[in-house]
Amino acid sequence: MLAPLVAAALFATPDVKLSGVLHDTDRGTYRELPFDVPPGVTKITIDVAGADHAAGTYLVLGVYDPQRERGWGGAIKPHIVIANTFATASHLPGPLPPGRWRLSVAVAAIRPGTVARYTMTVHFDRGPAAQAITTAALKTGPGWYRGDFHTHTGHSDALCRSEPSHDAVPCPVYFTLKAAHDHHLDFVTVTDHNVRSHVAELADIAPYFDDLLVIPGREMTTQDGHFNLLGITDFVDYRLGGPGAANINAMFDGARGTGAIVSINHPEIPTGETCLGCGWSAPDTDFAKVGAIEVANGGIAADHGGAFDNGAGSGTAWWEALLDRGYHLTGIGGSDNHDAIDGHAGTSPVGAQSPVGTPATVVYAVDLSQAGILAGVRSGRVFIDLEGAHPGRVLDITAATGPHATAVMGGTLRRAAGQAIRGTIHVAGAAGNVVDLIADGKHRPLGDPGRVVGPDARIPFTIEAGDPIHWLRADVQTPTGRRILIGNPIYVAR
């Protein structure tokens, strides 16, 4: 697969800039500004500069492709996006045919004696860059960002009660985003089963929750397992065994050009009539094509009174068995919520649900953007908060075999024969709980015994020179042994 920067350079198309000058005599006239769209473009962004409302200049922008009108921007939309599956409100999504497009610019108002300069910048995207609904970072700077990677709406099988009749109806997209906002998440991914229809609504609603990063996604639902594609709007064939997806690895390959992360969902669930294909049973799965494993699923917890599984047969055990085989797979969580309004066993049409954001997946990222969050997942510097989003909570781990050989959670530590590993587990916001250090699936003792003292604790550990481990990670438990935080590994390479 091409490295992201190389791929972006190969797919880059120069922006088109359409500039001109307006005078007061242009009031009430139209200017037709043609531009050419090259083949393969899947998202067009148009930015308008020069419509100075304070100075009395109003430009009303219409967009036309070679066959039809694609939207009318009014004077209040200086930033317009038109993509295959979503578009700015008042514009039509759909295929972007190559050829001569045009902007039809109406000079709605301009004051007497005014000379106004305008520039229309048209930007083309394809591949990974075209998948983001929101391209700008909502927060800048590195930090821990909290979110939910697995939610559903009425575009697939989410149901909630209507008002005022309380009938079971498909649950609107709005309520999932509102729940994510109300539960103090930084980001949320909506992953309806096999469809793209929810993406257009996400694009319409996302600007309303302007501190919440909305990442498009999809749960690819097959008879041999379910997996999420995180950060995707393009079509990928979900018909396992068909011409477009002869096997599960071909399905993974079908998503590669989009830049989406493949994350296997709830692999430990038994497959049967009540949940067809929910457990992972796809033969000959190439886990090198997989980026993440959902080790904590809120739907499973809701079915067991809110208790997340642990130990033999759990999602964690399934994940750790793959770590033992040498795969580097980021452990994440997802609520799998199907009723963002209610979700209680006695009143919700879909029964007991884990709330949006429980569990929360906490990602260390360079900023709060889609590219930043997905890169953070790929880096593996991620932990899961089984109790939901708690701002300020941190679980991190660092390790070293010498002054020039160090690694943080998700990284690889180089280790020569005869070297001990010394490290530190950083825990914040979980005072009074206990750290559980795990190496190659075995629990390792810590002093005192790993108790978290104070709001921000750093607990040292040592792996002796003669202990040939391949990975190590840390969880945090209550004093009674209930897990509340799940950490990702540091991988050890000789």
Protein backbone atom coordinates (compact mmCIF):
# COMPACT_ATOMS: atom_id res chain seq x y z
CA MET A 1 0.00 0.00 0.00
CA LEU A 2 1.26 3.49 -0.82
CA ALA A 3 2.35 5.63 2.11
CA PRO A 4 -0.31 8.31 2.76
CA LEU A 5 1.90 11.26 1.76
CA VAL A 6 3.05 9.55 -1.42
CA ALA A 7 -0.50 8.59 -2.31
CA ALA A 8 -1.70 12.14 -1.67
CA ALA A 9 0.99 13.52 -3.96
CA LEU A 10 0.09 11.10 -6.74
CA PHE A 11 -3.62 11.90 -6.52
CA ALA A 12 -3.22 15.66 -6.05
CA THR A 13 -4.86 17.95 -8.60
CA PRO A 14 -4.05 21.67 -8.65
CA ASP A 15 -6.71 24.01 -7.31
CA VAL A 16 -8.62 26.17 -9.76
CA LYS A 17 -8.83 29.87 -8.92
CA LEU A 18 -11.49 31.99 -10.60
CA SER A 19 -10.95 35.70 -9.95
CA GLY A 20 -12.48 38.94 -11.12
CA VAL A 21 -13.60 42.44 -10.29
CA LEU A 22 -17.16 43.68 -9.70
CA HIS A 23 -18.50 47.23 -10.03
CA ASP A 24 -21.77 48.76 -8.97
CA THR A 25 -23.00 48.39 -12.54
CA ASP A 26 -22.87 44.60 -12.11
CA ARG A 27 -25.72 44.62 -9.60
CA GLY A 28 -28.44 42.15 -10.63
CA THR A 29 -26.29 40.38 -13.23
CA TYR A 30 -24.85 36.86 -13.48
CA ARG A 31 -21.31 35.76 -14.21
CA GLU A 32 -20.76 32.28 -15.58
CA LEU A 33 -17.37 30.93 -14.42
CA PRO A 34 -16.41 27.61 -16.09
CA PHE A 35 -13.90 25.14 -14.69
CA ASP A 36 -12.85 21.61 -15.63
CA VAL A 37 -13.17 18.62 -13.29
CA PRO A 38 -10.64 15.85 -14.01
CA PRO A 39 -11.56 12.14 -13.93
CA GLY A 40 -11.58 10.29 -10.62
CA VAL A 41 -12.55 13.22 -8.37
CA THR A 42 -14.86 12.21 -5.51
CA LYS A 43 -15.12 15.49 -3.60
CA ILE A 44 -15.16 19.13 -4.72
CA THR A 45 -14.71 22.02 -2.29
CA ILE A 46 -15.49 25.60 -3.30
CA ASP A 47 -14.42 28.59 -1.19
CA VAL A 48 -15.66 32.09 -1.92
CA ALA A 49 -13.60 35.16 -1.02
CA GLY A 50 -14.67 38.72 -1.76
CA ALA A 51 -18.33 38.62 -0.79
CA ASP A 52 -17.97 41.31 1.90
CA HIS A 53 -21.39 41.50 3.48
CA ALA A 54 -20.34 44.29 5.83
CA ALA A 55 -19.44 46.37 2.81
CA GLY A 56 -22.73 45.53 1.12
CA THR A 57 -21.51 43.02 -1.48
CA TYR A 58 -23.63 39.86 -1.69
CA LEU A 59 -22.84 37.06 -4.13
CA VAL A 60 -25.26 34.18 -4.66
CA LEU A 61 -23.55 31.07 -6.02
CA GLY A 62 -25.06 28.27 -8.10
CA VAL A 63 -23.09 25.14 -9.07
CA TYR A 64 -23.70 23.19 -12.29
CA ASP A 65 -22.11 19.97 -13.48
CA PRO A 66 -22.11 19.02 -17.20
CA GLN A 67 -25.66 17.61 -16.93
CA ARG A 68 -27.54 19.37 -14.14
CA GLU A 69 -27.70 21.94 -11.40
CA ARG A 70 -25.98 20.73 -8.18
CA GLY A 71 -27.02 23.42 -5.74
CA TRP A 72 -27.50 27.03 -4.85
CA GLY A 73 -25.31 28.45 -2.12
CA GLY A 74 -27.13 31.61 -1.26
CA ALA A 75 -25.10 34.44 0.21
CA ILE A 76 -24.46 32.60 3.47
CA LYS A 77 -22.46 29.61 2.20
CA PRO A 78 -18.92 30.76 1.34
CA HIS A 79 -17.68 27.16 1.84
CA ILE A 80 -19.35 24.46 -0.28
CA VAL A 81 -18.64 20.74 -0.45
CA ILE A 82 -20.10 18.36 -3.03
CA ALA A 83 -19.11 14.69 -2.78
CA ASN A 84 -20.34 11.29 -3.86
CA THR A 85 -22.31 10.64 -0.67
CA PHE A 86 -22.67 14.01 1.06
CA ALA A 87 -22.85 17.70 0.31
CA THR A 88 -23.27 21.06 1.99
CA ALA A 89 -26.93 21.82 2.75
CA SER A 90 -28.81 23.04 -0.37
CA HIS A 91 -26.47 21.03 -2.62
CA LEU A 92 -26.89 17.58 -4.14
CA PRO A 93 -24.47 14.71 -3.46
CA GLY A 94 -23.77 12.15 -6.15
CA PRO A 95 -21.23 11.17 -8.80
CA LEU A 96 -18.95 13.97 -9.96
CA PRO A 97 -18.75 13.63 -13.75
CA PRO A 98 -15.54 14.86 -15.36
CA GLY A 99 -15.78 17.72 -17.80
CA ARG A 100 -16.88 21.34 -17.88
CA TRP A 101 -18.57 22.54 -14.71
CA ARG A 102 -19.51 26.14 -13.96
CA LEU A 103 -20.28 28.50 -11.15
CA SER A 104 -23.19 30.80 -11.83
CA VAL A 105 -22.56 33.89 -9.70
CA ALA A 106 -25.38 36.35 -9.13
CA VAL A 107 -24.39 39.80 -7.90
CA ALA A 108 -27.32 40.24 -5.55
CA ALA A 109 -26.12 43.52 -4.06
CA ILE A 110 -23.23 45.94 -4.37
CA ARG A 111 -23.22 49.54 -3.12
CA PRO A 112 -22.85 52.54 -5.42
CA GLY A 113 -19.22 53.36 -6.12
CA THR A 114 -17.97 50.00 -4.82
CA VAL A 115 -15.23 48.02 -6.55
CA ALA A 116 -15.10 44.45 -5.18
CA ARG A 117 -12.61 41.75 -6.03
CA TYR A 118 -13.61 38.10 -5.72
CA THR A 119 -11.81 34.75 -5.87
CA MET A 120 -13.51 31.36 -6.13
CA THR A 121 -11.13 28.51 -5.20
CA VAL A 122 -12.13 25.04 -6.38
CA HIS A 123 -10.30 22.14 -4.68
CA PHE A 124 -10.42 18.50 -5.84
CA ASP A 125 -10.07 15.42 -3.63
CA ARG A 126 -10.07 11.68 -4.22
CA GLY A 127 -9.02 8.63 -2.20
CA PRO A 128 -8.49 9.07 1.56
CA ALA A 129 -8.73 12.87 1.47
CA ALA A 130 -12.27 12.67 0.09
CA GLN A 131 -13.65 10.67 3.03
CA ALA A 132 -13.72 13.40 5.69
CA ILE A 133 -16.92 15.33 6.39
CA THR A 134 -14.97 17.84 8.49
CA THR A 135 -11.46 18.52 7.21
CA ALA A 136 -10.32 21.21 9.66
CA ALA A 137 -9.13 20.33 13.17
CA LEU A 138 -11.74 21.16 15.81
CA LYS A 139 -9.00 21.41 18.42
CA THR A 140 -5.34 21.98 17.75
CA GLY A 141 -2.41 20.50 19.57
CA PRO A 142 -1.57 16.99 20.77
CA GLY A 143 -3.60 15.41 23.51
CA TRP A 144 -5.92 12.62 24.61
CA TYR A 145 -9.22 12.70 22.73
CA ARG A 146 -12.26 10.66 23.78
CA GLY A 147 -14.81 9.08 21.49
CA ASP A 148 -17.00 6.19 20.41
CA PHE A 149 -16.12 4.11 17.33
CA HIS A 150 -19.34 2.06 17.05
CA THR A 151 -22.86 3.54 16.94
CA HIS A 152 -26.02 2.99 14.89
CA THR A 153 -28.99 5.04 13.68
CA GLY A 154 -32.26 4.40 11.89
CA HIS A 155 -30.38 4.16 8.61
CA SER A 156 -29.72 0.57 9.68
CA ASP A 157 -31.31 -1.13 12.70
CA ALA A 158 -31.51 1.48 15.46
CA LEU A 159 -35.03 2.01 16.85
CA CYS A 160 -36.45 4.48 19.35
CA ARG A 161 -39.88 5.69 20.51
CA SER A 162 -41.72 8.32 18.47
CA GLU A 163 -43.34 11.43 19.93
CA PRO A 164 -46.08 11.52 21.04
CA SER A 165 -47.31 8.03 20.08
CA HIS A 166 -44.29 6.11 21.41
CA ASP A 167 -44.25 3.78 18.43
CA ALA A 168 -41.01 2.01 17.50
CA VAL A 169 -39.49 4.00 14.61
CA PRO A 170 -36.05 4.28 12.97
CA CYS A 171 -33.96 6.44 15.29
CA PRO A 172 -32.87 9.78 13.72
CA VAL A 173 -29.17 10.52 13.26
CA TYR A 174 -29.49 13.74 15.28
CA PHE A 175 -29.98 11.90 18.58
CA THR A 176 -26.76 9.91 18.26
CA LEU A 177 -24.75 13.09 17.74
CA LYS A 178 -26.59 14.82 20.55
CA ALA A 179 -25.88 11.91 22.90
CA ALA A 180 -22.18 12.03 21.97
CA HIS A 181 -22.12 15.75 22.67
CA ASP A 182 -24.06 15.42 25.95
CA HIS A 183 -21.68 12.68 27.12
CA HIS A 184 -18.68 14.97 26.57
CA LEU A 185 -17.11 13.04 23.70
CA ASP A 186 -14.58 14.68 21.43
CA PHE A 187 -15.47 12.46 18.46
CA VAL A 188 -18.03 9.89 17.35
CA THR A 189 -18.19 7.45 14.44
CA VAL A 190 -21.59 6.40 13.08
CA THR A 191 -21.28 2.90 11.63
CA ASP A 192 -24.62 1.85 10.17
CA HIS A 193 -24.74 -1.62 8.64
CA ASN A 194 -23.57 -1.76 4.99
CA VAL A 195 -25.11 1.61 4.02
CA ARG A 196 -23.91 5.09 3.12
CA SER A 197 -27.22 6.91 3.42
CA HIS A 198 -26.42 8.22 6.90
CA VAL A 199 -23.39 10.18 5.67
CA ALA A 200 -25.45 12.94 4.05
CA GLU A 201 -27.31 13.51 7.32
CA LEU A 202 -24.07 13.50 9.28
CA ALA A 203 -22.77 16.25 7.02
CA ASP A 204 -25.93 18.32 7.58
CA ILE A 205 -26.02 17.92 11.36
CA ALA A 206 -22.31 17.96 12.25
CA PRO A 207 -21.91 21.77 12.04
CA TYR A 208 -24.53 22.17 14.78
CA PHE A 209 -22.35 20.28 17.30
CA ASP A 210 -19.28 22.33 16.51
CA ASP A 211 -17.02 20.88 19.22
CA LEU A 212 -17.74 17.26 18.22
CA LEU A 213 -15.72 15.61 15.45
CA VAL A 214 -18.06 13.42 13.38
CA ILE A 215 -16.22 10.61 11.57
CA PRO A 216 -18.15 8.67 8.91
CA GLY A 217 -18.00 4.90 9.15
CA ARG A 218 -19.72 1.67 8.23
CA GLU A 219 -20.22 -1.74 9.82
CA MET A 220 -19.59 -4.29 7.10
CA THR A 221 -21.97 -7.08 8.03
CA THR A 222 -21.34 -10.56 6.67
CA GLN A 223 -22.29 -14.11 7.61
CA ASP A 224 -18.68 -14.72 8.74
CA GLY A 225 -18.24 -11.65 10.91
CA HIS A 226 -18.75 -7.93 11.29
CA PHE A 227 -16.07 -5.28 10.94
CA ASN A 228 -16.06 -1.52 10.99
CA LEU A 229 -14.52 0.70 8.35
CA LEU A 230 -13.57 3.87 10.23
CA GLY A 231 -13.34 7.04 8.15
CA ILE A 232 -15.13 6.10 4.93
CA THR A 233 -17.88 7.47 2.69
CA ASP A 234 -17.14 5.49 -0.51
CA PHE A 235 -18.85 2.23 -1.44
CA VAL A 236 -17.13 -1.05 -0.54
CA ASP A 237 -18.84 -4.31 -1.51
CA TYR A 238 -20.32 -6.11 1.51
CA ARG A 239 -21.65 -9.16 -0.41
CA LEU A 240 -19.18 -11.74 0.83
CA GLY A 241 -18.68 -14.44 -1.78
CA GLY A 242 -19.86 -12.24 -4.63
CA PRO A 243 -17.79 -10.99 -7.57
CA GLY A 244 -16.62 -7.89 -5.70
CA ALA A 245 -15.66 -9.69 -2.49
CA ALA A 246 -14.75 -13.30 -3.11
CA ASN A 247 -13.46 -13.66 0.46
CA ILE A 248 -12.92 -11.54 3.54
CA ASN A 249 -9.42 -10.48 2.48
CA ALA A 250 -10.80 -9.16 -0.81
CA MET A 251 -13.26 -7.09 1.21
CA PHE A 252 -10.39 -5.67 3.25
CA ASP A 253 -8.54 -4.90 0.03
CA GLY A 254 -11.58 -3.11 -1.33
CA ALA A 255 -11.26 -0.51 1.42
CA ARG A 256 -7.51 0.08 1.17
CA GLY A 257 -7.67 2.99 -1.24
CA THR A 258 -10.10 4.88 1.00
CA GLY A 259 -7.67 5.10 3.90
CA ALA A 260 -10.26 3.62 6.28
CA ILE A 261 -9.17 1.56 9.28
CA VAL A 262 -10.44 -2.03 9.38
CA SER A 263 -11.60 -2.91 12.90
CA ILE A 264 -13.09 -6.33 13.69
CA ASN A 265 -16.18 -6.01 15.90
CA HIS A 266 -17.24 -8.18 18.87
CA PRO A 267 -15.30 -11.22 17.61
CA GLU A 268 -16.09 -13.30 20.68
CA ILE A 269 -19.89 -13.35 20.30
CA PRO A 270 -21.30 -16.79 19.44
CA THR A 271 -22.88 -16.76 15.97
CA GLY A 272 -26.46 -18.00 15.76
CA GLU A 273 -30.02 -17.07 14.89
CA THR A 274 -30.10 -14.22 17.39
CA CYS A 275 -26.95 -12.65 15.97
CA LEU A 276 -26.16 -13.95 12.50
CA GLY A 277 -22.48 -13.53 11.71
CA CYS A 278 -21.73 -11.54 14.85
CA GLY A 279 -18.80 -13.71 15.94
CA TRP A 280 -15.68 -13.76 13.79
CA SER A 281 -15.40 -16.97 11.76
CA ALA A 282 -14.09 -15.80 8.37
CA PRO A 283 -11.70 -18.49 7.11
CA ASP A 284 -8.11 -17.61 6.20
CA THR A 285 -8.37 -14.09 7.60
CA ASP A 286 -5.18 -12.14 6.92
CA PHE A 287 -4.91 -10.14 10.13
CA ALA A 288 -2.04 -8.15 8.64
CA LYS A 289 -4.81 -6.30 6.73
CA VAL A 290 -6.60 -5.44 10.00
CA GLY A 291 -5.84 -2.31 12.02
CA ALA A 292 -7.87 -2.74 15.21
CA ILE A 293 -9.91 -5.16 17.28
CA GLU A 294 -12.98 -4.15 19.27
CA VAL A 295 -12.03 -5.65 22.62
CA ALA A 296 -14.83 -3.93 24.58
CA ASN A 297 -18.34 -3.89 23.12
CA GLY A 298 -21.13 -2.04 24.90
CA GLY A 299 -23.82 -4.32 23.50
CA ILE A 300 -22.23 -7.33 25.18
CA ALA A 301 -21.99 -5.39 28.45
CA ALA A 302 -25.64 -4.28 28.22
CA ASP A 303 -26.71 -7.91 27.82
CA HIS A 304 -24.89 -8.69 31.09
CA GLY A 305 -26.14 -5.89 33.28
CA GLY A 306 -23.38 -3.47 32.31
CA ALA A 307 -20.50 -5.87 32.99
CA PHE A 308 -17.83 -6.03 30.29
CA ASP A 309 -16.41 -9.47 29.59
CA ASN A 310 -12.94 -10.45 30.80
CA GLY A 311 -10.80 -13.54 31.01
CA ALA A 312 -11.18 -16.66 28.87
CA GLY A 313 -13.57 -16.24 25.95
CA SER A 314 -13.60 -12.45 26.16
CA GLY A 315 -12.80 -9.91 23.49
CA THR A 316 -9.55 -9.18 25.32
CA ALA A 317 -8.53 -12.84 25.26
CA TRP A 318 -9.36 -13.02 21.53
CA TRP A 319 -7.19 -9.94 20.90
CA GLU A 320 -4.30 -11.13 23.07
CA ALA A 321 -4.19 -14.44 21.21
CA LEU A 322 -3.48 -12.45 18.04
CA LEU A 323 -0.84 -10.39 19.84
CA ASP A 324 0.81 -13.68 20.80
CA ARG A 325 0.94 -14.57 17.10
CA GLY A 326 2.91 -11.40 16.40
CA TYR A 327 0.19 -9.13 15.02
CA HIS A 328 0.22 -5.44 15.95
CA LEU A 329 -3.48 -4.65 16.44
CA THR A 330 -4.85 -1.66 18.33
CA GLY A 331 -7.49 -2.53 20.91
CA ILE A 332 -10.47 -0.16 20.80
CA GLY A 333 -14.00 -0.05 22.21
CA GLY A 334 -17.46 0.90 20.99
CA SER A 335 -20.88 1.30 22.57
CA ASP A 336 -22.70 -0.43 19.65
CA ASN A 337 -25.65 1.73 20.69
CA HIS A 338 -28.96 1.21 18.81
CA ASP A 339 -31.15 3.66 20.77
CA ALA A 340 -29.45 6.92 21.69
CA ILE A 341 -32.59 8.31 23.38
CA ASP A 342 -33.60 5.56 25.81
CA GLY A 343 -31.73 2.24 25.74
CA HIS A 344 -33.38 0.80 28.85
CA ALA A 345 -34.44 -2.83 28.92
CA GLY A 346 -38.07 -2.18 29.81
CA THR A 347 -38.83 0.76 27.53
CA SER A 348 -36.52 0.80 24.50
CA PRO A 349 -37.70 -1.02 21.36
CA VAL A 350 -34.26 -2.66 21.14
CA GLY A 351 -33.88 -3.49 24.82
CA ALA A 352 -30.92 -2.71 27.04
CA GLN A 353 -28.24 -0.59 25.39
CA SER A 354 -24.91 0.81 26.48
CA PRO A 355 -25.05 4.62 26.25
CA VAL A 356 -23.21 6.37 23.45
CA GLY A 357 -19.64 6.82 24.71
CA THR A 358 -19.62 3.78 27.03
CA PRO A 359 -17.04 2.48 26.61
CA ALA A 360 -15.02 5.46 25.44
CA THR A 361 -11.91 4.97 23.35
CA VAL A 362 -9.24 7.52 24.22
CA VAL A 363 -6.75 8.30 21.46
CA TYR A 364 -3.55 10.31 21.73
CA ALA A 365 -3.57 12.40 18.55
CA VAL A 366 -1.78 15.42 17.13
CA ASP A 367 -5.11 17.26 16.96
CA LEU A 368 -8.86 16.67 16.91
CA SER A 369 -9.30 15.94 13.22
CA GLN A 370 -10.31 12.84 11.30
CA ALA A 371 -6.78 12.40 9.99
CA GLY A 372 -5.36 12.94 13.49
CA ILE A 373 -7.69 10.46 15.23
CA LEU A 374 -7.17 7.73 12.62
CA ALA A 375 -3.41 8.23 12.74
CA GLY A 376 -3.60 7.97 16.52
CA VAL A 377 -5.41 4.63 16.27
CA ARG A 378 -2.78 3.37 13.85
CA SER A 379 -0.04 4.43 16.28
CA GLY A 380 -1.62 2.31 19.03
CA ARG A 381 -1.36 4.98 21.72
CA VAL A 382 -4.90 4.29 22.78
CA PHE A 383 -6.72 3.15 25.91
CA ILE A 384 -10.34 2.22 26.63
CA ASP A 385 -12.37 3.69 29.48
CA LEU A 386 -15.09 1.17 30.29
CA GLU A 387 -16.92 3.71 32.44
CA GLY A 388 -17.38 6.28 29.66
CA ALA A 389 -15.68 9.56 28.87
CA HIS A 390 -13.84 11.00 31.86
CA PRO A 391 -11.90 14.13 30.89
CA GLY A 392 -8.48 14.03 32.50
CA ARG A 393 -8.31 10.25 32.82
CA VAL A 394 -5.10 8.80 31.38
CA LEU A 395 -3.55 5.35 31.03
CA ASP A 396 -0.17 5.30 29.32
CA ILE A 397 2.96 3.20 29.48
CA THR A 398 6.59 3.81 28.58
CA ALA A 399 9.45 1.32 28.57
CA ALA A 400 13.19 1.33 27.86
CA THR A 401 16.07 -1.09 27.50
CA GLY A 402 18.64 1.71 27.59
CA PRO A 403 19.01 5.46 27.12
CA HIS A 404 18.59 5.18 23.35
CA ALA A 405 15.95 2.44 23.18
CA THR A 406 12.57 3.59 24.45
CA ALA A 407 8.94 3.16 23.42
CA VAL A 408 5.51 4.41 24.41
CA MET A 409 2.22 2.55 24.25
CA GLY A 410 1.68 1.26 20.71
CA GLY A 411 5.36 1.43 19.83
CA THR A 412 8.06 -1.21 19.41
CA LEU A 413 10.90 -1.53 21.89
CA ARG A 414 14.23 -2.91 20.67
CA ARG A 415 15.80 -5.36 23.10
CA ALA A 416 19.13 -7.14 22.88
CA ALA A 417 19.86 -10.40 24.68
CA GLY A 418 20.57 -9.89 28.37
CA GLN A 419 18.73 -6.58 28.64
CA ALA A 420 16.12 -5.86 31.30
CA ILE A 421 13.10 -3.69 30.51
CA ARG A 422 12.33 -0.83 32.86
CA GLY A 423 9.26 1.27 32.48
CA THR A 424 6.54 3.43 33.99
CA ILE A 425 2.77 3.16 33.94
CA HIS A 426 1.10 6.57 34.01
CA VAL A 427 -2.40 6.71 35.49
CA ALA A 428 -4.40 9.89 36.03
CA GLY A 429 -7.94 10.35 37.28
CA ALA A 430 -8.24 6.89 38.84
CA ALA A 431 -6.97 7.27 42.41
CA GLY A 432 -7.50 4.31 44.71
CA ASN A 433 -7.57 1.75 41.94
CA VAL A 434 -4.98 -0.89 41.03
CA VAL A 435 -2.73 -1.35 37.98
CA ASP A 436 -2.54 -4.79 36.39
CA LEU A 437 0.64 -5.33 34.33
CA ILE A 438 0.29 -8.01 31.64
CA ALA A 439 3.13 -9.45 29.53
CA ASP A 440 2.46 -12.13 26.90
CA GLY A 441 -0.94 -12.70 28.51
CA LYS A 442 0.46 -13.32 32.00
CA HIS A 443 -0.16 -11.03 34.97
CA ARG A 444 3.05 -9.66 36.50
CA PRO A 445 3.31 -8.53 40.12
CA LEU A 446 3.84 -4.89 41.00
CA GLY A 447 4.81 -3.39 44.32
CA ASP A 448 2.15 -2.23 46.81
CA PRO A 449 0.49 -3.98 44.69
CA GLY A 450 0.31 -1.44 41.87
CA ARG A 451 -2.04 0.86 43.77
CA VAL A 452 -2.78 4.23 42.18
CA VAL A 453 -2.03 6.90 44.78
CA GLY A 454 -3.21 10.43 44.08
CA PRO A 455 -4.75 12.06 41.01
CA ASP A 456 -1.65 11.58 38.84
CA ALA A 457 0.51 8.52 39.53
CA ARG A 458 3.53 6.94 37.88
CA ILE A 459 4.12 3.31 38.80
CA PRO A 460 7.50 1.74 37.92
CA PHE A 461 8.00 -1.83 36.75
CA THR A 462 10.84 -4.12 35.64
CA ILE A 463 10.90 -7.10 33.29
CA GLU A 464 14.04 -9.05 34.14
CA ALA A 465 16.74 -9.74 31.56
CA GLY A 466 15.97 -13.46 31.38
CA ASP A 467 12.26 -12.97 30.73
CA PRO A 468 11.76 -13.26 26.91
CA ILE A 469 8.47 -11.40 26.46
CA HIS A 470 7.00 -10.23 23.13
CA TRP A 471 4.53 -7.60 24.34
CA LEU A 472 3.41 -5.91 27.53
CA ARG A 473 0.51 -3.69 28.50
CA ALA A 474 -1.44 -2.44 31.54
CA ASP A 475 -5.05 -2.36 32.70
CA VAL A 476 -6.56 -0.58 35.71
CA GLN A 477 -8.96 -2.36 38.05
CA THR A 478 -11.00 -1.42 41.07
CA PRO A 479 -9.83 -2.94 44.39
CA THR A 480 -12.52 -5.62 43.90
CA GLY A 481 -11.02 -6.65 40.54
CA ARG A 482 -13.45 -4.99 38.10
CA ARG A 483 -11.61 -3.55 35.09
CA ILE A 484 -12.19 0.11 34.32
CA LEU A 485 -9.32 0.91 31.90
CA ILE A 486 -7.77 -1.26 29.17
CA GLY A 487 -4.35 -0.30 27.78
CA ASN A 488 -2.67 -1.15 24.49
CA PRO A 489 0.68 -2.96 24.20
CA ILE A 490 4.26 -2.02 23.77
CA TYR A 491 5.74 -4.59 21.38
CA VAL A 492 9.18 -6.02 22.11
CA ALA A 493 11.52 -6.97 19.25
CA ARG A 494 14.94 -8.59 19.48
